[in-house]
Amino acid sequence: RINENGSIVFFIDGLILRFCVVSMMVHRSVFSYIPKFRSSL
């Protein structure tokens, strides 16, 4: 996570390297049997 001035954001556990759920890449067949994204903000 990077703030607007370019500094890295540290979390409460002192770590900076986090799991990135946004990065998920899937084979398109996955969407034939797993629900797509919920209509949430």
ModelCIF file with pLDDT and N, C-alpha, C, O atoms, coordinates in Angstrom:
data_MODEL
#
_entry.id   MODEL 
#
_entity.id                         1 
_entity.type                       polymer 
_entity.pdbx_number_of_molecules   1 
#
_entity_poly.entity_id                      1 
_entity_poly.type                           'polypeptide(L)' 
_entity_poly.nstd_linkage                   no 
_entity_poly.nstd_monomer                   no 
_entity_poly.pdbx_seq_one_letter_code       RINENGSIVFFIDGLILRFCVVSMMVHRSVFSYIPKFRSSL 
_entity_poly.pdbx_seq_one_letter_code_can   RINENGSIVFFIDGLILRFCVVSMMVHRSVFSYIPKFRSSL 
_entity_poly.pdbx_strand_id                 A 
#
loop_
_entity_poly_seq.entity_id 
_entity_poly_seq.num 
_entity_poly_seq.mon_id 
_entity_poly_seq.hetero 
1 1  ARG n 
1 2  ILE n 
1 3  ASN n 
1 4  GLU n 
1 5  ASN n 
1 6  GLY n 
1 7  SER n 
1 8  ILE n 
1 9  VAL n 
1 10 PHE n 
1 11 PHE n 
1 12 ILE n 
1 13 ASP n 
1 14 GLY n 
1 15 LEU n 
1 16 ILE n 
1 17 LEU n 
1 18 ARG n 
1 19 PHE n 
1 20 CYS n 
1 21 VAL n 
1 22 VAL n 
1 23 SER n 
1 24 MET n 
1 25 MET n 
1 26 VAL n 
1 27 HIS n 
1 28 ARG n 
1 29 SER n 
1 30 VAL n 
1 31 PHE n 
1 32 SER n 
1 33 TYR n 
1 34 ILE n 
1 35 PRO n 
1 36 LYS n 
1 37 PHE n 
1 38 ARG n 
1 39 SER n 
1 40 SER n 
1 41 LEU n 
#
_struct_asym.id          A 
_struct_asym.entity_id   1 
#
loop_
_ma_qa_metric.id 
_ma_qa_metric.mode 
_ma_qa_metric.name 
_ma_qa_metric.software_group_id 
_ma_qa_metric.type 
1 global pLDDT . pLDDT 
2 local  pLDDT . pLDDT 
#
_ma_qa_metric_global.metric_id      1 
_ma_qa_metric_global.metric_value   88.76 
_ma_qa_metric_global.model_id       1 
_ma_qa_metric_global.ordinal_id     1 
#
loop_
_ma_qa_metric_local.label_asym_id 
_ma_qa_metric_local.label_comp_id 
_ma_qa_metric_local.label_seq_id 
_ma_qa_metric_local.metric_id 
_ma_qa_metric_local.metric_value 
_ma_qa_metric_local.model_id 
_ma_qa_metric_local.ordinal_id 
A ARG 1  2 87.00 1 1  
A ILE 2  2 86.00 1 2  
A ASN 3  2 82.00 1 3  
A GLU 4  2 82.00 1 4  
A ASN 5  2 84.00 1 5  
A GLY 6  2 82.00 1 6  
A SER 7  2 83.00 1 7  
A ILE 8  2 83.00 1 8  
A VAL 9  2 82.00 1 9  
A PHE 10 2 81.00 1 10 
A PHE 11 2 75.00 1 11 
A ILE 12 2 77.00 1 12 
A ASP 13 2 77.00 1 13 
A GLY 14 2 75.00 1 14 
A LEU 15 2 79.00 1 15 
A ILE 16 2 84.00 1 16 
A LEU 17 2 87.00 1 17 
A ARG 18 2 88.00 1 18 
A PHE 19 2 91.00 1 19 
A CYS 20 2 92.00 1 20 
A VAL 21 2 92.00 1 21 
A VAL 22 2 92.00 1 22 
A SER 23 2 95.00 1 23 
A MET 24 2 96.00 1 24 
A MET 25 2 97.00 1 25 
A VAL 26 2 97.00 1 26 
A HIS 27 2 96.00 1 27 
A ARG 28 2 95.00 1 28 
A SER 29 2 95.00 1 29 
A VAL 30 2 95.00 1 30 
A PHE 31 2 93.00 1 31 
A SER 32 2 92.00 1 32 
A TYR 33 2 90.00 1 33 
A ILE 34 2 93.00 1 34 
A PRO 35 2 91.00 1 35 
A LYS 36 2 93.00 1 36 
A PHE 37 2 97.00 1 37 
A ARG 38 2 97.00 1 38 
A SER 39 2 97.00 1 39 
A SER 40 2 96.00 1 40 
A LEU 41 2 93.00 1 41 
#
loop_
_atom_site.group_PDB 
_atom_site.id 
_atom_site.type_symbol 
_atom_site.label_atom_id 
_atom_site.label_alt_id 
_atom_site.label_comp_id 
_atom_site.label_asym_id 
_atom_site.label_entity_id 
_atom_site.label_seq_id 
_atom_site.pdbx_PDB_ins_code 
_atom_site.Cartn_x 
_atom_site.Cartn_y 
_atom_site.Cartn_z 
_atom_site.occupancy 
_atom_site.B_iso_or_equiv 
_atom_site.pdbx_formal_charge 
_atom_site.auth_seq_id 
_atom_site.auth_comp_id 
_atom_site.auth_asym_id 
_atom_site.auth_atom_id 
_atom_site.pdbx_PDB_model_num 
ATOM 1   N N  . ARG A 1 1  ? 0.863   -1.181  0.000   1.00 87.00 ? 1  ARG A N  1 
ATOM 2   C CA . ARG A 1 1  ? 0.000   0.000   0.000   1.00 87.00 ? 1  ARG A CA 1 
ATOM 3   C C  . ARG A 1 1  ? 0.901   1.234   0.000   1.00 87.00 ? 1  ARG A C  1 
ATOM 4   O O  . ARG A 1 1  ? 1.845   1.328   0.784   1.00 87.00 ? 1  ARG A O  1 
ATOM 5   N N  . ILE A 1 2  ? 0.595   2.172   -0.888  1.00 86.00 ? 2  ILE A N  1 
ATOM 6   C CA . ILE A 1 2  ? 1.385   3.392   -1.043  1.00 86.00 ? 2  ILE A CA 1 
ATOM 7   C C  . ILE A 1 2  ? 0.482   4.598   -0.822  1.00 86.00 ? 2  ILE A C  1 
ATOM 8   O O  . ILE A 1 2  ? -0.598  4.676   -1.408  1.00 86.00 ? 2  ILE A O  1 
ATOM 9   N N  . ASN A 1 3  ? 0.914   5.551   0.024   1.00 82.00 ? 3  ASN A N  1 
ATOM 10  C CA . ASN A 1 3  ? 0.086   6.750   0.181   1.00 82.00 ? 3  ASN A CA 1 
ATOM 11  C C  . ASN A 1 3  ? 0.397   7.758   -0.918  1.00 82.00 ? 3  ASN A C  1 
ATOM 12  O O  . ASN A 1 3  ? 1.246   7.520   -1.776  1.00 82.00 ? 3  ASN A O  1 
ATOM 13  N N  . GLU A 1 4  ? -0.292  8.865   -0.878  1.00 82.00 ? 4  GLU A N  1 
ATOM 14  C CA . GLU A 1 4  ? -0.229  9.812   -1.996  1.00 82.00 ? 4  GLU A CA 1 
ATOM 15  C C  . GLU A 1 4  ? 1.125   10.492  -2.153  1.00 82.00 ? 4  GLU A C  1 
ATOM 16  O O  . GLU A 1 4  ? 1.424   11.023  -3.223  1.00 82.00 ? 4  GLU A O  1 
ATOM 17  N N  . ASN A 1 5  ? 1.936   10.487  -1.122  1.00 84.00 ? 5  ASN A N  1 
ATOM 18  C CA . ASN A 1 5  ? 3.273   11.084  -1.274  1.00 84.00 ? 5  ASN A CA 1 
ATOM 19  C C  . ASN A 1 5  ? 4.344   10.050  -1.603  1.00 84.00 ? 5  ASN A C  1 
ATOM 20  O O  . ASN A 1 5  ? 5.535   10.361  -1.639  1.00 84.00 ? 5  ASN A O  1 
ATOM 21  N N  . GLY A 1 6  ? 3.896   8.789   -1.846  1.00 82.00 ? 6  GLY A N  1 
ATOM 22  C CA . GLY A 1 6  ? 4.816   7.746   -2.283  1.00 82.00 ? 6  GLY A CA 1 
ATOM 23  C C  . GLY A 1 6  ? 5.393   6.888   -1.179  1.00 82.00 ? 6  GLY A C  1 
ATOM 24  O O  . GLY A 1 6  ? 6.188   5.987   -1.448  1.00 82.00 ? 6  GLY A O  1 
ATOM 25  N N  . SER A 1 7  ? 5.003   7.153   0.071   1.00 83.00 ? 7  SER A N  1 
ATOM 26  C CA . SER A 1 7  ? 5.523   6.369   1.194   1.00 83.00 ? 7  SER A CA 1 
ATOM 27  C C  . SER A 1 7  ? 4.750   5.053   1.335   1.00 83.00 ? 7  SER A C  1 
ATOM 28  O O  . SER A 1 7  ? 3.551   4.994   1.061   1.00 83.00 ? 7  SER A O  1 
ATOM 29  N N  . ILE A 1 8  ? 5.448   4.009   1.762   1.00 83.00 ? 8  ILE A N  1 
ATOM 30  C CA . ILE A 1 8  ? 4.817   2.712   1.984   1.00 83.00 ? 8  ILE A CA 1 
ATOM 31  C C  . ILE A 1 8  ? 4.070   2.729   3.315   1.00 83.00 ? 8  ILE A C  1 
ATOM 32  O O  . ILE A 1 8  ? 4.564   3.260   4.310   1.00 83.00 ? 8  ILE A O  1 
ATOM 33  N N  . VAL A 1 9  ? 2.887   2.149   3.320   1.00 82.00 ? 9  VAL A N  1 
ATOM 34  C CA . VAL A 1 9  ? 2.047   2.113   4.519   1.00 82.00 ? 9  VAL A CA 1 
ATOM 35  C C  . VAL A 1 9  ? 2.328   0.843   5.311   1.00 82.00 ? 9  VAL A C  1 
ATOM 36  O O  . VAL A 1 9  ? 2.256   -0.259  4.768   1.00 82.00 ? 9  VAL A O  1 
ATOM 37  N N  . PHE A 1 10 ? 2.648   0.996   6.594   1.00 81.00 ? 10 PHE A N  1 
ATOM 38  C CA . PHE A 1 10 ? 2.840   -0.130  7.493   1.00 81.00 ? 10 PHE A CA 1 
ATOM 39  C C  . PHE A 1 10 ? 1.531   -0.431  8.213   1.00 81.00 ? 10 PHE A C  1 
ATOM 40  O O  . PHE A 1 10 ? 0.776   0.480   8.554   1.00 81.00 ? 10 PHE A O  1 
ATOM 41  N N  . PHE A 1 11 ? 1.266   -1.723  8.443   1.00 75.00 ? 11 PHE A N  1 
ATOM 42  C CA . PHE A 1 11 ? 0.048   -2.126  9.140   1.00 75.00 ? 11 PHE A CA 1 
ATOM 43  C C  . PHE A 1 11 ? 0.335   -2.396  10.609  1.00 75.00 ? 11 PHE A C  1 
ATOM 44  O O  . PHE A 1 11 ? 1.481   -2.324  11.053  1.00 75.00 ? 11 PHE A O  1 
ATOM 45  N N  . ILE A 1 12 ? -0.710  -2.707  11.354  1.00 77.00 ? 12 ILE A N  1 
ATOM 46  C CA . ILE A 1 12 ? -0.596  -2.829  12.805  1.00 77.00 ? 12 ILE A CA 1 
ATOM 47  C C  . ILE A 1 12 ? 0.381   -3.924  13.217  1.00 77.00 ? 12 ILE A C  1 
ATOM 48  O O  . ILE A 1 12 ? 0.956   -3.865  14.304  1.00 77.00 ? 12 ILE A O  1 
ATOM 49  N N  . ASP A 1 13 ? 0.575   -4.928  12.352  1.00 77.00 ? 13 ASP A N  1 
ATOM 50  C CA . ASP A 1 13 ? 1.518   -6.004  12.661  1.00 77.00 ? 13 ASP A CA 1 
ATOM 51  C C  . ASP A 1 13 ? 2.946   -5.668  12.259  1.00 77.00 ? 13 ASP A C  1 
ATOM 52  O O  . ASP A 1 13 ? 3.845   -6.496  12.409  1.00 77.00 ? 13 ASP A O  1 
ATOM 53  N N  . GLY A 1 14 ? 3.163   -4.454  11.747  1.00 75.00 ? 14 GLY A N  1 
ATOM 54  C CA . GLY A 1 14 ? 4.499   -4.021  11.369  1.00 75.00 ? 14 GLY A CA 1 
ATOM 55  C C  . GLY A 1 14 ? 4.935   -4.458  9.989   1.00 75.00 ? 14 GLY A C  1 
ATOM 56  O O  . GLY A 1 14 ? 6.050   -4.153  9.566   1.00 75.00 ? 14 GLY A O  1 
ATOM 57  N N  . LEU A 1 15 ? 4.054   -5.183  9.265   1.00 79.00 ? 15 LEU A N  1 
ATOM 58  C CA . LEU A 1 15 ? 4.397   -5.698  7.942   1.00 79.00 ? 15 LEU A CA 1 
ATOM 59  C C  . LEU A 1 15 ? 3.848   -4.791  6.846   1.00 79.00 ? 15 LEU A C  1 
ATOM 60  O O  . LEU A 1 15 ? 2.901   -4.036  7.067   1.00 79.00 ? 15 LEU A O  1 
ATOM 61  N N  . ILE A 1 16 ? 4.449   -4.871  5.673   1.00 84.00 ? 16 ILE A N  1 
ATOM 62  C CA . ILE A 1 16 ? 3.976   -4.083  4.533   1.00 84.00 ? 16 ILE A CA 1 
ATOM 63  C C  . ILE A 1 16 ? 3.507   -4.960  3.379   1.00 84.00 ? 16 ILE A C  1 
ATOM 64  O O  . ILE A 1 16 ? 2.689   -4.524  2.570   1.00 84.00 ? 16 ILE A O  1 
ATOM 65  N N  . LEU A 1 17 ? 4.011   -6.187  3.289   1.00 87.00 ? 17 LEU A N  1 
ATOM 66  C CA . LEU A 1 17 ? 3.646   -7.081  2.188   1.00 87.00 ? 17 LEU A CA 1 
ATOM 67  C C  . LEU A 1 17 ? 2.361   -7.816  2.545   1.00 87.00 ? 17 LEU A C  1 
ATOM 68  O O  . LEU A 1 17 ? 2.338   -8.620  3.476   1.00 87.00 ? 17 LEU A O  1 
ATOM 69  N N  . ARG A 1 18 ? 1.273   -7.535  1.789   1.00 88.00 ? 18 ARG A N  1 
ATOM 70  C CA . ARG A 1 18 ? -0.044  -8.063  2.128   1.00 88.00 ? 18 ARG A CA 1 
ATOM 71  C C  . ARG A 1 18 ? -0.600  -8.926  0.997   1.00 88.00 ? 18 ARG A C  1 
ATOM 72  O O  . ARG A 1 18 ? -0.179  -8.815  -0.154  1.00 88.00 ? 18 ARG A O  1 
ATOM 73  N N  . PHE A 1 19 ? -1.544  -9.780  1.345   1.00 91.00 ? 19 PHE A N  1 
ATOM 74  C CA . PHE A 1 19 ? -2.296  -10.518 0.330   1.00 91.00 ? 19 PHE A CA 1 
ATOM 75  C C  . PHE A 1 19 ? -3.140  -9.531  -0.476  1.00 91.00 ? 19 PHE A C  1 
ATOM 76  O O  . PHE A 1 19 ? -3.829  -8.682  0.089   1.00 91.00 ? 19 PHE A O  1 
ATOM 77  N N  . CYS A 1 20 ? -3.077  -9.654  -1.799  1.00 92.00 ? 20 CYS A N  1 
ATOM 78  C CA . CYS A 1 20 ? -3.792  -8.716  -2.681  1.00 92.00 ? 20 CYS A CA 1 
ATOM 79  C C  . CYS A 1 20 ? -4.967  -9.438  -3.331  1.00 92.00 ? 20 CYS A C  1 
ATOM 80  O O  . CYS A 1 20 ? -4.807  -10.112 -4.349  1.00 92.00 ? 20 CYS A O  1 
ATOM 81  N N  . VAL A 1 21 ? -6.142  -9.293  -2.737  1.00 92.00 ? 21 VAL A N  1 
ATOM 82  C CA . VAL A 1 21 ? -7.322  -9.963  -3.272  1.00 92.00 ? 21 VAL A CA 1 
ATOM 83  C C  . VAL A 1 21 ? -7.692  -9.414  -4.647  1.00 92.00 ? 21 VAL A C  1 
ATOM 84  O O  . VAL A 1 21 ? -8.305  -10.115 -5.452  1.00 92.00 ? 21 VAL A O  1 
ATOM 85  N N  . VAL A 1 22 ? -7.323  -8.171  -4.917  1.00 92.00 ? 22 VAL A N  1 
ATOM 86  C CA . VAL A 1 22 ? -7.621  -7.539  -6.199  1.00 92.00 ? 22 VAL A CA 1 
ATOM 87  C C  . VAL A 1 22 ? -6.886  -8.221  -7.346  1.00 92.00 ? 22 VAL A C  1 
ATOM 88  O O  . VAL A 1 22 ? -7.318  -8.142  -8.495  1.00 92.00 ? 22 VAL A O  1 
ATOM 89  N N  . SER A 1 23 ? -5.778  -8.889  -7.039  1.00 95.00 ? 23 SER A N  1 
ATOM 90  C CA . SER A 1 23 ? -4.910  -9.432  -8.086  1.00 95.00 ? 23 SER A CA 1 
ATOM 91  C C  . SER A 1 23 ? -5.393  -10.748 -8.681  1.00 95.00 ? 23 SER A C  1 
ATOM 92  O O  . SER A 1 23 ? -4.775  -11.247 -9.620  1.00 95.00 ? 23 SER A O  1 
ATOM 93  N N  . MET A 1 24 ? -6.462  -11.319 -8.173  1.00 96.00 ? 24 MET A N  1 
ATOM 94  C CA . MET A 1 24 ? -6.913  -12.649 -8.599  1.00 96.00 ? 24 MET A CA 1 
ATOM 95  C C  . MET A 1 24 ? -7.015  -12.772 -10.122 1.00 96.00 ? 24 MET A C  1 
ATOM 96  O O  . MET A 1 24 ? -7.673  -11.965 -10.778 1.00 96.00 ? 24 MET A O  1 
ATOM 97  N N  . MET A 1 25 ? -6.357  -13.789 -10.667 1.00 97.00 ? 25 MET A N  1 
ATOM 98  C CA . MET A 1 25 ? -6.483  -14.155 -12.083 1.00 97.00 ? 25 MET A CA 1 
ATOM 99  C C  . MET A 1 25 ? -7.051  -15.565 -12.134 1.00 97.00 ? 25 MET A C  1 
ATOM 100 O O  . MET A 1 25 ? -6.568  -16.452 -11.429 1.00 97.00 ? 25 MET A O  1 
ATOM 101 N N  . VAL A 1 26 ? -8.073  -15.785 -12.962 1.00 97.00 ? 26 VAL A N  1 
ATOM 102 C CA . VAL A 1 26 ? -8.709  -17.103 -13.036 1.00 97.00 ? 26 VAL A CA 1 
ATOM 103 C C  . VAL A 1 26 ? -8.893  -17.527 -14.485 1.00 97.00 ? 26 VAL A C  1 
ATOM 104 O O  . VAL A 1 26 ? -8.976  -16.695 -15.389 1.00 97.00 ? 26 VAL A O  1 
ATOM 105 N N  . HIS A 1 27 ? -8.954  -18.842 -14.685 1.00 96.00 ? 27 HIS A N  1 
ATOM 106 C CA . HIS A 1 27 ? -9.360  -19.348 -15.989 1.00 96.00 ? 27 HIS A CA 1 
ATOM 107 C C  . HIS A 1 27 ? -10.835 -19.041 -16.165 1.00 96.00 ? 27 HIS A C  1 
ATOM 108 O O  . HIS A 1 27 ? -11.608 -19.152 -15.214 1.00 96.00 ? 27 HIS A O  1 
ATOM 109 N N  . ARG A 1 28 ? -11.237 -18.655 -17.369 1.00 95.00 ? 28 ARG A N  1 
ATOM 110 C CA . ARG A 1 28 ? -12.614 -18.184 -17.571 1.00 95.00 ? 28 ARG A CA 1 
ATOM 111 C C  . ARG A 1 28 ? -13.657 -19.257 -17.241 1.00 95.00 ? 28 ARG A C  1 
ATOM 112 O O  . ARG A 1 28 ? -14.807 -18.927 -16.952 1.00 95.00 ? 28 ARG A O  1 
ATOM 113 N N  . SER A 1 29 ? -13.268 -20.542 -17.281 1.00 95.00 ? 29 SER A N  1 
ATOM 114 C CA . SER A 1 29 ? -14.207 -21.612 -16.952 1.00 95.00 ? 29 SER A CA 1 
ATOM 115 C C  . SER A 1 29 ? -14.683 -21.529 -15.506 1.00 95.00 ? 29 SER A C  1 
ATOM 116 O O  . SER A 1 29 ? -15.752 -22.042 -15.173 1.00 95.00 ? 29 SER A O  1 
ATOM 117 N N  . VAL A 1 30 ? -13.892 -20.883 -14.645 1.00 95.00 ? 30 VAL A N  1 
ATOM 118 C CA . VAL A 1 30 ? -14.262 -20.753 -13.231 1.00 95.00 ? 30 VAL A CA 1 
ATOM 119 C C  . VAL A 1 30 ? -15.618 -20.071 -13.073 1.00 95.00 ? 30 VAL A C  1 
ATOM 120 O O  . VAL A 1 30 ? -16.385 -20.401 -12.168 1.00 95.00 ? 30 VAL A O  1 
ATOM 121 N N  . PHE A 1 31 ? -15.909 -19.120 -13.957 1.00 93.00 ? 31 PHE A N  1 
ATOM 122 C CA . PHE A 1 31 ? -17.150 -18.360 -13.836 1.00 93.00 ? 31 PHE A CA 1 
ATOM 123 C C  . PHE A 1 31 ? -18.379 -19.175 -14.254 1.00 93.00 ? 31 PHE A C  1 
ATOM 124 O O  . PHE A 1 31 ? -19.510 -18.710 -14.110 1.00 93.00 ? 31 PHE A O  1 
ATOM 125 N N  . SER A 1 32 ? -18.162 -20.377 -14.766 1.00 92.00 ? 32 SER A N  1 
ATOM 126 C CA . SER A 1 32 ? -19.304 -21.214 -15.138 1.00 92.00 ? 32 SER A CA 1 
ATOM 127 C C  . SER A 1 32 ? -19.881 -21.954 -13.939 1.00 92.00 ? 32 SER A C  1 
ATOM 128 O O  . SER A 1 32 ? -21.010 -22.443 -13.996 1.00 92.00 ? 32 SER A O  1 
ATOM 129 N N  . TYR A 1 33 ? -19.112 -22.040 -12.850 1.00 90.00 ? 33 TYR A N  1 
ATOM 130 C CA . TYR A 1 33 ? -19.629 -22.749 -11.673 1.00 90.00 ? 33 TYR A CA 1 
ATOM 131 C C  . TYR A 1 33 ? -19.365 -22.041 -10.346 1.00 90.00 ? 33 TYR A C  1 
ATOM 132 O O  . TYR A 1 33 ? -19.737 -22.556 -9.291  1.00 90.00 ? 33 TYR A O  1 
ATOM 133 N N  . ILE A 1 34 ? -18.734 -20.877 -10.384 1.00 93.00 ? 34 ILE A N  1 
ATOM 134 C CA . ILE A 1 34 ? -18.578 -20.057 -9.185  1.00 93.00 ? 34 ILE A CA 1 
ATOM 135 C C  . ILE A 1 34 ? -19.324 -18.744 -9.417  1.00 93.00 ? 34 ILE A C  1 
ATOM 136 O O  . ILE A 1 34 ? -19.176 -18.135 -10.477 1.00 93.00 ? 34 ILE A O  1 
ATOM 137 N N  . PRO A 1 35 ? -20.121 -18.298 -8.448  1.00 91.00 ? 35 PRO A N  1 
ATOM 138 C CA . PRO A 1 35 ? -20.859 -17.038 -8.631  1.00 91.00 ? 35 PRO A CA 1 
ATOM 139 C C  . PRO A 1 35 ? -19.932 -15.882 -8.963  1.00 91.00 ? 35 PRO A C  1 
ATOM 140 O O  . PRO A 1 35 ? -18.813 -15.797 -8.458  1.00 91.00 ? 35 PRO A O  1 
ATOM 141 N N  . LYS A 1 36 ? -20.412 -14.999 -9.814  1.00 93.00 ? 36 LYS A N  1 
ATOM 142 C CA . LYS A 1 36 ? -19.639 -13.796 -10.126 1.00 93.00 ? 36 LYS A CA 1 
ATOM 143 C C  . LYS A 1 36 ? -19.671 -12.852 -8.923  1.00 93.00 ? 36 LYS A C  1 
ATOM 144 O O  . LYS A 1 36 ? -20.062 -13.254 -7.828  1.00 93.00 ? 36 LYS A O  1 
ATOM 145 N N  . PHE A 1 37 ? -19.272 -11.636 -9.122  1.00 97.00 ? 37 PHE A N  1 
ATOM 146 C CA . PHE A 1 37 ? -19.153 -10.693 -8.017  1.00 97.00 ? 37 PHE A CA 1 
ATOM 147 C C  . PHE A 1 37 ? -20.528 -10.211 -7.548  1.00 97.00 ? 37 PHE A C  1 
ATOM 148 O O  . PHE A 1 37 ? -21.428 -9.972  -8.353  1.00 97.00 ? 37 PHE A O  1 
ATOM 149 N N  . ARG A 1 38 ? -20.666 -10.076 -6.239  1.00 97.00 ? 38 ARG A N  1 
ATOM 150 C CA . ARG A 1 38 ? -21.901 -9.577  -5.656  1.00 97.00 ? 38 ARG A CA 1 
ATOM 151 C C  . ARG A 1 38 ? -22.065 -8.087  -5.991  1.00 97.00 ? 38 ARG A C  1 
ATOM 152 O O  . ARG A 1 38 ? -21.079 -7.371  -6.166  1.00 97.00 ? 38 ARG A O  1 
ATOM 153 N N  . SER A 1 39 ? -23.312 -7.635  -6.077  1.00 97.00 ? 39 SER A N  1 
ATOM 154 C CA . SER A 1 39 ? -23.591 -6.225  -6.397  1.00 97.00 ? 39 SER A CA 1 
ATOM 155 C C  . SER A 1 39 ? -23.416 -5.363  -5.156  1.00 97.00 ? 39 SER A C  1 
ATOM 156 O O  . SER A 1 39 ? -24.377 -4.812  -4.620  1.00 97.00 ? 39 SER A O  1 
ATOM 157 N N  . SER A 1 40 ? -22.177 -5.259  -4.717  1.00 96.00 ? 40 SER A N  1 
ATOM 158 C CA . SER A 1 40 ? -21.833 -4.510  -3.511  1.00 96.00 ? 40 SER A CA 1 
ATOM 159 C C  . SER A 1 40 ? -20.886 -3.372  -3.855  1.00 96.00 ? 40 SER A C  1 
ATOM 160 O O  . SER A 1 40 ? -20.168 -3.425  -4.854  1.00 96.00 ? 40 SER A O  1 
ATOM 161 N N  . LEU A 1 41 ? -20.894 -2.353  -3.025  1.00 93.00 ? 41 LEU A N  1 
ATOM 162 C CA . LEU A 1 41 ? -19.958 -1.252  -3.210  1.00 93.00 ? 41 LEU A CA 1 
ATOM 163 C C  . LEU A 1 41 ? -18.544 -1.670  -2.839  1.00 93.00 ? 41 LEU A C  1 
ATOM 164 O O  . LEU A 1 41 ? -17.618 -0.865  -2.932  1.00 93.00 ? 41 LEU A O  1 
#
